N, C-alpha and C. Protein backbone atom coordinates (compact mmCIF):
# COMPACT_ATOMS: atom_id res chain seq x y z
N UNK A 1 0.85 -1.17 0.00
CA UNK A 1 0.00 0.00 0.00
C UNK A 1 0.90 1.24 0.00
N UNK A 2 0.63 2.17 -0.88
CA UNK A 2 1.41 3.41 -0.93
C UNK A 2 0.48 4.61 -0.81
N UNK A 3 1.06 5.70 -0.36
CA UNK A 3 0.33 6.94 -0.16
C UNK A 3 1.12 8.07 -0.81
N UNK A 4 1.04 8.20 -2.14
CA UNK A 4 1.92 9.12 -2.87
C UNK A 4 1.75 10.59 -2.52
N UNK A 5 0.59 11.03 -2.08
CA UNK A 5 0.37 12.45 -1.83
C UNK A 5 0.51 12.85 -0.37
N UNK A 6 0.89 11.89 0.48
CA UNK A 6 1.00 12.18 1.91
C UNK A 6 2.47 12.17 2.33
N UNK A 7 2.81 13.10 3.20
CA UNK A 7 4.18 13.19 3.70
C UNK A 7 4.13 12.92 5.20
N UNK A 8 4.20 11.65 5.56
CA UNK A 8 4.00 11.23 6.94
C UNK A 8 5.07 11.75 7.89
N UNK A 9 6.31 11.81 7.45
CA UNK A 9 7.39 12.23 8.35
C UNK A 9 7.26 13.69 8.75
N UNK A 10 6.83 14.54 7.81
CA UNK A 10 6.67 15.95 8.17
C UNK A 10 5.35 16.19 8.90
N UNK A 11 4.40 15.28 8.75
CA UNK A 11 3.18 15.36 9.54
C UNK A 11 1.89 15.31 8.75
N UNK A 12 1.03 14.43 9.15
CA UNK A 12 -0.31 14.28 8.58
C UNK A 12 -1.30 13.98 9.71
N UNK A 13 -2.55 14.33 9.50
CA UNK A 13 -3.64 13.94 10.39
C UNK A 13 -4.45 12.92 9.62
N UNK A 14 -4.66 11.77 10.23
CA UNK A 14 -5.35 10.66 9.57
C UNK A 14 -6.58 10.29 10.39
N UNK A 15 -7.72 10.19 9.74
CA UNK A 15 -8.95 9.78 10.40
C UNK A 15 -9.22 8.32 10.06
N UNK A 16 -9.31 7.50 11.09
CA UNK A 16 -9.48 6.06 10.92
C UNK A 16 -10.80 5.63 11.55
N UNK A 17 -11.58 4.83 10.83
CA UNK A 17 -12.77 4.21 11.40
C UNK A 17 -12.31 2.90 12.04
N UNK A 18 -12.00 2.94 13.34
CA UNK A 18 -11.44 1.79 14.04
C UNK A 18 -12.47 0.68 14.13
N UNK A 19 -12.10 -0.52 13.69
CA UNK A 19 -13.04 -1.63 13.78
C UNK A 19 -13.12 -2.23 15.19
N UNK A 20 -14.23 -2.85 15.48
CA UNK A 20 -14.40 -3.58 16.74
C UNK A 20 -13.36 -4.70 16.79
N UNK A 21 -12.74 -4.87 17.95
CA UNK A 21 -11.76 -5.94 18.12
C UNK A 21 -10.32 -5.47 18.01
N UNK A 22 -10.10 -4.30 17.44
CA UNK A 22 -8.75 -3.75 17.35
C UNK A 22 -8.52 -2.77 18.48
N UNK A 23 -7.34 -2.82 19.09
CA UNK A 23 -6.98 -1.80 20.07
C UNK A 23 -6.52 -0.56 19.30
N UNK A 24 -6.51 0.58 19.98
CA UNK A 24 -6.01 1.80 19.35
C UNK A 24 -4.54 1.64 18.99
N UNK A 25 -3.79 0.93 19.85
CA UNK A 25 -2.38 0.72 19.57
C UNK A 25 -2.18 -0.13 18.31
N UNK A 26 -3.07 -1.10 18.08
CA UNK A 26 -2.95 -1.91 16.87
C UNK A 26 -3.10 -1.05 15.62
N UNK A 27 -4.02 -0.08 15.66
CA UNK A 27 -4.20 0.84 14.53
C UNK A 27 -2.93 1.66 14.32
N UNK A 28 -2.36 2.18 15.41
CA UNK A 28 -1.12 2.96 15.33
C UNK A 28 -0.02 2.09 14.71
N UNK A 29 0.10 0.87 15.17
CA UNK A 29 1.11 -0.06 14.66
C UNK A 29 0.94 -0.30 13.16
N UNK A 30 -0.29 -0.52 12.73
CA UNK A 30 -0.57 -0.77 11.31
C UNK A 30 -0.20 0.45 10.45
N UNK A 31 -0.51 1.65 10.95
CA UNK A 31 -0.17 2.87 10.22
C UNK A 31 1.34 3.05 10.16
N UNK A 32 2.03 2.77 11.28
CA UNK A 32 3.49 2.85 11.27
C UNK A 32 4.07 1.94 10.18
N UNK A 33 3.54 0.74 10.09
CA UNK A 33 4.02 -0.20 9.08
C UNK A 33 3.69 0.28 7.66
N UNK A 34 2.45 0.66 7.45
CA UNK A 34 2.00 1.04 6.10
C UNK A 34 2.67 2.32 5.61
N UNK A 35 2.86 3.28 6.52
CA UNK A 35 3.40 4.57 6.13
C UNK A 35 4.93 4.62 6.23
N UNK A 36 5.51 3.65 6.91
CA UNK A 36 6.96 3.65 7.07
C UNK A 36 7.47 4.78 7.92
N UNK A 37 6.71 5.14 8.94
CA UNK A 37 7.10 6.23 9.83
C UNK A 37 6.95 5.76 11.28
N UNK A 38 7.88 6.19 12.13
CA UNK A 38 7.85 5.74 13.53
C UNK A 38 6.98 6.63 14.42
N UNK A 39 6.96 7.92 14.13
CA UNK A 39 6.27 8.86 15.00
C UNK A 39 4.79 8.95 14.62
N UNK A 40 3.97 8.16 15.32
CA UNK A 40 2.52 8.14 15.11
C UNK A 40 1.87 8.14 16.49
N UNK A 41 0.88 8.99 16.70
CA UNK A 41 0.16 9.02 17.96
C UNK A 41 -1.32 9.18 17.71
N UNK A 42 -2.13 8.87 18.72
CA UNK A 42 -3.58 9.02 18.57
C UNK A 42 -4.10 10.00 19.60
N UNK A 43 -5.26 10.56 19.30
CA UNK A 43 -5.84 11.62 20.13
C UNK A 43 -6.86 11.09 21.12
N UNK A 44 -6.71 9.85 21.52
CA UNK A 44 -7.62 9.28 22.53
C UNK A 44 -7.89 7.82 22.25
N UNK A 45 -7.74 7.02 23.27
CA UNK A 45 -7.92 5.59 23.14
C UNK A 45 -9.40 5.23 23.00
N UNK A 46 -9.68 4.33 22.08
CA UNK A 46 -11.01 3.74 21.97
C UNK A 46 -10.91 2.32 22.50
N UNK A 47 -11.89 1.92 23.28
CA UNK A 47 -11.96 0.56 23.80
C UNK A 47 -11.88 -0.43 22.64
N UNK A 48 -11.20 -1.56 22.82
CA UNK A 48 -11.16 -2.56 21.74
C UNK A 48 -12.55 -3.02 21.27
N UNK A 49 -13.55 -2.98 22.16
CA UNK A 49 -14.90 -3.39 21.78
C UNK A 49 -15.70 -2.27 21.13
N UNK A 50 -15.08 -1.09 21.00
CA UNK A 50 -15.77 0.05 20.38
C UNK A 50 -15.28 0.24 18.95
N UNK A 51 -16.20 0.71 18.12
CA UNK A 51 -15.80 1.14 16.79
C UNK A 51 -16.02 2.65 16.75
N UNK A 52 -15.31 3.31 15.85
CA UNK A 52 -15.52 4.74 15.74
C UNK A 52 -14.28 5.46 15.27
N UNK A 53 -14.36 6.77 15.26
CA UNK A 53 -13.31 7.62 14.75
C UNK A 53 -12.11 7.64 15.69
N UNK A 54 -10.96 7.29 15.14
CA UNK A 54 -9.69 7.39 15.85
C UNK A 54 -8.84 8.38 15.07
N UNK A 55 -8.46 9.46 15.73
CA UNK A 55 -7.67 10.51 15.07
C UNK A 55 -6.19 10.20 15.32
N UNK A 56 -5.44 10.03 14.23
CA UNK A 56 -4.01 9.76 14.32
C UNK A 56 -3.24 10.95 13.77
N UNK A 57 -2.08 11.21 14.35
CA UNK A 57 -1.19 12.24 13.85
C UNK A 57 0.18 11.61 13.64
N UNK A 58 0.86 12.05 12.57
CA UNK A 58 2.21 11.55 12.29
C UNK A 58 3.19 12.71 12.30
N UNK A 59 4.46 12.35 12.47
CA UNK A 59 5.53 13.35 12.40
C UNK A 59 5.29 14.55 13.28
N UNK A 60 5.51 15.74 12.71
CA UNK A 60 5.38 16.99 13.48
C UNK A 60 3.94 17.28 13.91
N UNK A 61 2.98 16.67 13.25
CA UNK A 61 1.57 16.88 13.62
C UNK A 61 1.23 16.25 14.97
N UNK A 62 2.10 15.37 15.50
CA UNK A 62 1.83 14.78 16.82
C UNK A 62 1.80 15.86 17.90
N UNK A 63 2.42 17.00 17.64
CA UNK A 63 2.39 18.11 18.60
C UNK A 63 1.00 18.74 18.70
N UNK A 64 0.12 18.43 17.74
CA UNK A 64 -1.23 18.99 17.73
C UNK A 64 -2.27 18.05 18.34
N UNK A 65 -1.85 16.91 18.85
CA UNK A 65 -2.79 15.91 19.37
C UNK A 65 -3.70 16.49 20.44
N UNK A 66 -3.17 17.32 21.34
CA UNK A 66 -4.00 17.86 22.43
C UNK A 66 -5.16 18.68 21.89
N UNK A 67 -5.00 19.33 20.75
CA UNK A 67 -6.08 20.10 20.13
C UNK A 67 -7.27 19.19 19.83
N UNK A 68 -6.99 17.99 19.36
CA UNK A 68 -8.05 17.04 19.03
C UNK A 68 -8.62 16.39 20.30
N UNK A 69 -7.77 16.16 21.28
CA UNK A 69 -8.24 15.56 22.53
C UNK A 69 -9.22 16.47 23.25
N UNK A 70 -9.03 17.76 23.12
CA UNK A 70 -9.88 18.74 23.81
C UNK A 70 -11.15 19.07 23.04
N UNK A 71 -11.29 18.56 21.84
CA UNK A 71 -12.48 18.84 21.02
C UNK A 71 -13.71 18.13 21.57
N UNK A 72 -14.88 18.70 21.27
CA UNK A 72 -16.14 18.06 21.66
C UNK A 72 -16.32 16.77 20.86
N UNK A 73 -16.84 15.75 21.52
CA UNK A 73 -17.02 14.45 20.88
C UNK A 73 -18.47 14.00 20.94
N UNK A 74 -18.83 13.08 20.06
CA UNK A 74 -20.16 12.50 20.04
C UNK A 74 -20.03 11.00 20.21
N UNK A 75 -20.83 10.43 21.08
CA UNK A 75 -20.82 8.99 21.33
C UNK A 75 -22.20 8.41 21.09
N UNK A 76 -22.24 7.16 20.70
CA UNK A 76 -23.51 6.44 20.63
C UNK A 76 -23.35 5.13 21.39
N UNK A 77 -24.44 4.58 21.84
CA UNK A 77 -24.38 3.32 22.57
C UNK A 77 -25.77 2.88 22.95
N UNK A 78 -25.82 1.78 23.65
CA UNK A 78 -27.09 1.23 24.13
C UNK A 78 -27.00 0.99 25.62
N UNK A 79 -28.00 1.43 26.34
CA UNK A 79 -28.11 1.17 27.77
C UNK A 79 -29.16 0.08 27.93
N UNK A 80 -28.80 -0.99 28.61
CA UNK A 80 -29.76 -2.05 28.90
C UNK A 80 -30.14 -1.93 30.36
N UNK A 81 -31.41 -1.73 30.61
CA UNK A 81 -31.89 -1.57 31.98
C UNK A 81 -31.98 -2.91 32.68
N UNK A 82 -31.63 -2.94 33.95
CA UNK A 82 -31.78 -4.14 34.76
C UNK A 82 -30.61 -5.11 34.69
N UNK A 83 -29.52 -4.74 34.03
CA UNK A 83 -28.36 -5.61 33.94
C UNK A 83 -27.09 -4.78 34.10
N UNK A 84 -26.09 -5.38 34.75
CA UNK A 84 -24.80 -4.72 34.86
C UNK A 84 -23.69 -5.77 34.87
N UNK A 85 -22.52 -5.31 34.50
CA UNK A 85 -21.34 -6.18 34.50
C UNK A 85 -20.19 -5.41 35.15
N UNK A 86 -19.14 -6.11 35.59
CA UNK A 86 -18.02 -5.39 36.22
C UNK A 86 -17.41 -4.32 35.33
N UNK A 87 -17.38 -4.55 34.01
CA UNK A 87 -16.78 -3.57 33.09
C UNK A 87 -17.77 -2.51 32.62
N UNK A 88 -19.04 -2.67 32.96
CA UNK A 88 -20.12 -1.78 32.54
C UNK A 88 -20.31 -1.80 31.02
N UNK A 89 -19.84 -2.87 30.36
CA UNK A 89 -20.05 -3.06 28.94
C UNK A 89 -20.03 -4.56 28.65
N UNK A 90 -19.83 -4.93 27.41
CA UNK A 90 -19.89 -6.34 27.03
C UNK A 90 -18.57 -7.09 27.19
N UNK A 91 -17.54 -6.42 27.71
CA UNK A 91 -16.25 -7.09 27.88
C UNK A 91 -16.33 -8.20 28.92
N UNK A 92 -17.13 -7.98 29.96
CA UNK A 92 -17.28 -8.99 31.01
C UNK A 92 -18.73 -9.47 31.05
N UNK A 93 -18.93 -10.64 31.64
CA UNK A 93 -20.26 -11.24 31.72
C UNK A 93 -21.19 -10.40 32.61
N UNK A 94 -22.48 -10.49 32.31
CA UNK A 94 -23.50 -9.85 33.15
C UNK A 94 -23.39 -10.47 34.54
N UNK A 95 -23.22 -9.63 35.57
CA UNK A 95 -23.02 -10.11 36.93
C UNK A 95 -24.27 -9.94 37.79
N UNK A 96 -25.05 -8.91 37.49
CA UNK A 96 -26.22 -8.60 38.30
C UNK A 96 -27.39 -8.31 37.37
N UNK A 97 -28.52 -8.91 37.68
CA UNK A 97 -29.75 -8.58 36.94
C UNK A 97 -30.79 -8.14 37.95
N UNK A 98 -31.66 -7.28 37.50
CA UNK A 98 -32.71 -6.78 38.38
C UNK A 98 -33.95 -6.48 37.57
N UNK A 99 -35.03 -6.34 38.27
CA UNK A 99 -36.30 -6.06 37.62
C UNK A 99 -36.35 -4.61 37.14
N UNK A 100 -36.94 -4.40 35.99
CA UNK A 100 -37.15 -3.04 35.49
C UNK A 100 -38.62 -2.66 35.64
N UNK A 101 -39.38 -3.54 36.29
CA UNK A 101 -40.80 -3.27 36.52
C UNK A 101 -40.96 -2.01 37.36
N UNK A 102 -41.85 -1.19 36.98
CA UNK A 102 -42.12 0.02 37.74
C UNK A 102 -41.27 1.22 37.34
N UNK A 103 -40.34 1.02 36.43
CA UNK A 103 -39.54 2.15 35.96
C UNK A 103 -40.29 2.76 34.77
N UNK A 104 -40.66 4.02 34.94
CA UNK A 104 -41.44 4.68 33.90
C UNK A 104 -40.55 5.41 32.91
N UNK A 105 -41.09 5.69 31.73
CA UNK A 105 -40.37 6.49 30.75
C UNK A 105 -40.00 7.85 31.33
N UNK A 106 -40.89 8.41 32.14
CA UNK A 106 -40.62 9.71 32.75
C UNK A 106 -39.40 9.64 33.67
N UNK A 107 -39.28 8.57 34.46
CA UNK A 107 -38.11 8.42 35.32
C UNK A 107 -36.82 8.30 34.49
N UNK A 108 -36.91 7.57 33.40
CA UNK A 108 -35.74 7.41 32.54
C UNK A 108 -35.34 8.75 31.95
N UNK A 109 -36.30 9.51 31.46
CA UNK A 109 -36.00 10.81 30.86
C UNK A 109 -35.47 11.80 31.91
N UNK A 110 -36.02 11.77 33.11
CA UNK A 110 -35.52 12.65 34.18
C UNK A 110 -34.09 12.29 34.55
N UNK A 111 -33.80 10.99 34.60
CA UNK A 111 -32.43 10.56 34.90
C UNK A 111 -31.50 10.98 33.79
N UNK A 112 -31.92 10.78 32.56
CA UNK A 112 -31.12 11.22 31.41
C UNK A 112 -30.81 12.70 31.53
N UNK A 113 -31.81 13.52 31.83
CA UNK A 113 -31.63 14.96 31.92
C UNK A 113 -30.66 15.37 33.03
N UNK A 114 -30.56 14.54 34.08
CA UNK A 114 -29.64 14.87 35.17
C UNK A 114 -28.17 14.76 34.75
N UNK A 115 -27.90 14.14 33.61
CA UNK A 115 -26.54 14.01 33.12
C UNK A 115 -26.14 15.16 32.20
N UNK A 116 -27.06 16.02 31.82
CA UNK A 116 -26.77 17.10 30.89
C UNK A 116 -26.14 18.28 31.63
N UNK A 117 -25.08 18.82 31.05
CA UNK A 117 -24.36 19.94 31.65
C UNK A 117 -23.03 19.47 32.22
N UNK A 118 -22.47 20.26 33.11
CA UNK A 118 -21.21 19.89 33.77
C UNK A 118 -21.54 18.94 34.91
N UNK A 119 -20.91 17.78 34.90
CA UNK A 119 -21.12 16.80 35.96
C UNK A 119 -19.76 16.25 36.39
N UNK A 120 -19.73 15.64 37.55
CA UNK A 120 -18.53 15.00 38.04
C UNK A 120 -18.66 13.51 37.78
N UNK A 121 -17.59 12.92 37.25
CA UNK A 121 -17.61 11.50 36.90
C UNK A 121 -16.37 10.83 37.47
N UNK A 122 -16.55 9.68 38.09
CA UNK A 122 -15.42 8.86 38.50
C UNK A 122 -15.16 7.89 37.36
N UNK A 123 -13.95 7.92 36.78
CA UNK A 123 -13.68 7.02 35.66
C UNK A 123 -13.88 5.56 36.06
N UNK A 124 -14.50 4.77 35.20
CA UNK A 124 -14.69 3.36 35.53
C UNK A 124 -13.35 2.63 35.54
N UNK A 125 -13.27 1.54 36.30
CA UNK A 125 -12.04 0.76 36.35
C UNK A 125 -11.69 0.20 34.97
N UNK A 126 -12.68 -0.17 34.20
CA UNK A 126 -12.43 -0.67 32.85
C UNK A 126 -12.43 0.51 31.88
N UNK A 127 -11.40 1.35 31.99
CA UNK A 127 -11.26 2.47 31.07
C UNK A 127 -9.78 2.67 30.77
N UNK A 128 -9.51 3.44 29.74
CA UNK A 128 -8.13 3.70 29.33
C UNK A 128 -7.49 4.84 30.12
N UNK A 129 -8.25 5.44 31.05
CA UNK A 129 -7.70 6.52 31.87
C UNK A 129 -6.49 5.97 32.63
N UNK A 130 -5.43 6.77 32.65
CA UNK A 130 -4.21 6.32 33.32
C UNK A 130 -4.09 6.91 34.72
N UNK A 131 -3.69 6.08 35.66
CA UNK A 131 -3.39 6.49 37.02
C UNK A 131 -1.97 6.01 37.29
N UNK A 132 -1.09 6.95 37.65
CA UNK A 132 0.33 6.64 37.83
C UNK A 132 0.93 5.95 36.62
N UNK A 133 0.53 6.40 35.42
CA UNK A 133 1.10 5.89 34.18
C UNK A 133 0.57 4.55 33.71
N UNK A 134 -0.43 4.01 34.40
CA UNK A 134 -0.95 2.69 34.03
C UNK A 134 -2.45 2.77 33.74
N UNK A 135 -2.87 2.20 32.62
CA UNK A 135 -4.29 2.22 32.26
C UNK A 135 -5.11 1.46 33.29
N UNK A 136 -6.23 2.05 33.69
CA UNK A 136 -7.08 1.43 34.71
C UNK A 136 -7.53 0.02 34.32
N UNK A 137 -7.85 -0.19 33.02
CA UNK A 137 -8.36 -1.49 32.62
C UNK A 137 -7.35 -2.61 32.86
N UNK A 138 -6.06 -2.29 32.83
CA UNK A 138 -5.03 -3.32 33.09
C UNK A 138 -5.11 -3.80 34.54
N UNK A 139 -5.32 -2.86 35.46
CA UNK A 139 -5.49 -3.24 36.87
C UNK A 139 -6.79 -4.00 37.06
N UNK A 140 -7.86 -3.53 36.41
CA UNK A 140 -9.18 -4.18 36.55
C UNK A 140 -9.13 -5.62 36.08
N UNK A 141 -8.44 -5.88 34.99
CA UNK A 141 -8.36 -7.25 34.46
C UNK A 141 -7.57 -8.17 35.39
N UNK A 142 -6.77 -7.58 36.28
CA UNK A 142 -6.05 -8.38 37.28
C UNK A 142 -6.82 -8.46 38.59
N UNK A 143 -8.04 -7.91 38.59
CA UNK A 143 -8.87 -7.95 39.79
C UNK A 143 -8.54 -6.89 40.82
N UNK A 144 -7.75 -5.90 40.44
CA UNK A 144 -7.36 -4.85 41.36
C UNK A 144 -8.22 -3.61 41.16
N UNK A 145 -8.49 -2.90 42.25
CA UNK A 145 -9.20 -1.63 42.19
C UNK A 145 -8.23 -0.52 42.56
N UNK A 146 -8.22 0.53 41.78
CA UNK A 146 -7.32 1.66 41.98
C UNK A 146 -8.18 2.87 42.34
N UNK A 147 -7.69 3.67 43.29
CA UNK A 147 -8.41 4.89 43.64
C UNK A 147 -8.38 5.84 42.45
N UNK A 148 -9.56 6.33 42.10
CA UNK A 148 -9.70 7.23 40.96
C UNK A 148 -10.20 8.58 41.41
N UNK A 149 -9.67 9.60 40.81
CA UNK A 149 -10.06 10.97 41.16
C UNK A 149 -11.24 11.38 40.27
N UNK A 150 -12.32 11.87 40.87
CA UNK A 150 -13.45 12.36 40.05
C UNK A 150 -12.98 13.47 39.13
N UNK A 151 -13.55 13.52 37.93
CA UNK A 151 -13.20 14.56 36.98
C UNK A 151 -14.47 15.21 36.46
N UNK A 152 -14.33 16.49 36.13
CA UNK A 152 -15.47 17.21 35.58
C UNK A 152 -15.55 16.97 34.08
N UNK A 153 -16.75 16.62 33.63
CA UNK A 153 -16.99 16.46 32.20
C UNK A 153 -18.23 17.27 31.84
N UNK A 154 -18.42 17.51 30.57
CA UNK A 154 -19.60 18.23 30.10
C UNK A 154 -20.33 17.35 29.10
N UNK A 155 -21.61 17.16 29.35
CA UNK A 155 -22.49 16.45 28.41
C UNK A 155 -23.39 17.52 27.81
N UNK A 156 -23.20 17.78 26.51
CA UNK A 156 -23.95 18.86 25.86
C UNK A 156 -25.38 18.47 25.55
N UNK A 157 -25.56 17.23 25.14
CA UNK A 157 -26.92 16.75 24.85
C UNK A 157 -26.93 15.23 24.99
N UNK A 158 -28.12 14.70 25.14
CA UNK A 158 -28.27 13.27 25.36
C UNK A 158 -29.61 12.88 24.75
N UNK A 159 -29.55 12.37 23.54
CA UNK A 159 -30.77 11.98 22.83
C UNK A 159 -30.97 10.48 23.00
N UNK A 160 -32.19 10.06 23.02
CA UNK A 160 -32.43 8.63 23.13
C UNK A 160 -33.74 8.24 22.45
N UNK A 161 -33.83 6.97 22.19
CA UNK A 161 -35.09 6.40 21.74
C UNK A 161 -35.18 4.97 22.22
N UNK A 162 -36.40 4.51 22.44
CA UNK A 162 -36.61 3.14 22.92
C UNK A 162 -36.14 2.15 21.88
N UNK A 163 -35.62 1.04 22.36
CA UNK A 163 -35.06 0.04 21.46
C UNK A 163 -35.47 -1.35 21.97
N UNK A 164 -36.38 -1.99 21.31
CA UNK A 164 -36.81 -3.36 21.63
C UNK A 164 -37.31 -3.52 23.07
N UNK A 165 -37.79 -2.46 23.69
CA UNK A 165 -38.38 -2.49 25.02
C UNK A 165 -37.44 -2.91 26.13
N UNK A 166 -36.19 -3.28 25.84
CA UNK A 166 -35.27 -3.71 26.90
C UNK A 166 -34.15 -2.72 27.11
N UNK A 167 -33.97 -1.81 26.19
CA UNK A 167 -32.86 -0.88 26.33
C UNK A 167 -33.18 0.44 25.68
N UNK A 168 -32.36 1.39 25.96
CA UNK A 168 -32.47 2.70 25.34
C UNK A 168 -31.21 2.94 24.55
N UNK A 169 -31.40 3.35 23.32
CA UNK A 169 -30.26 3.62 22.44
C UNK A 169 -30.02 5.12 22.47
N UNK A 170 -28.77 5.51 22.59
CA UNK A 170 -28.43 6.93 22.60
C UNK A 170 -27.28 7.21 21.68
């Protein structure tokens, strides 16, 4: 594979639709191989089970990564009511199930609305957030819990629609 119009060593920004099952590092590795350049970085880790936009920078453009990290982002996903897992996603088995009887659409919408604006969030153990230079998910996979500092995040909007009566898609 060749890229005749791109100058990777002096710097390029590459937008990759990361497939499910690939780590962000695997994408970086593949680009390093394909482009023949060592200096490649990404503007934020995507979970291996997630697909979506991964912004890569090469060469001198790696100095601009923080600009992309600070940009507003859009996420989509599905919330399944009445079930939870240690990783809060499909990486680990469902550990707890509960009844969703008596939960009204109004309660769901009110809860959704409570997340809009500036909120404080404790990063989940199964996340790429680093504490003392180590990704939290690495500790979580070893059964260890690490103290995490709450961080302020902003949720600009939160749209949803019912999906098969068991979950809400957002």
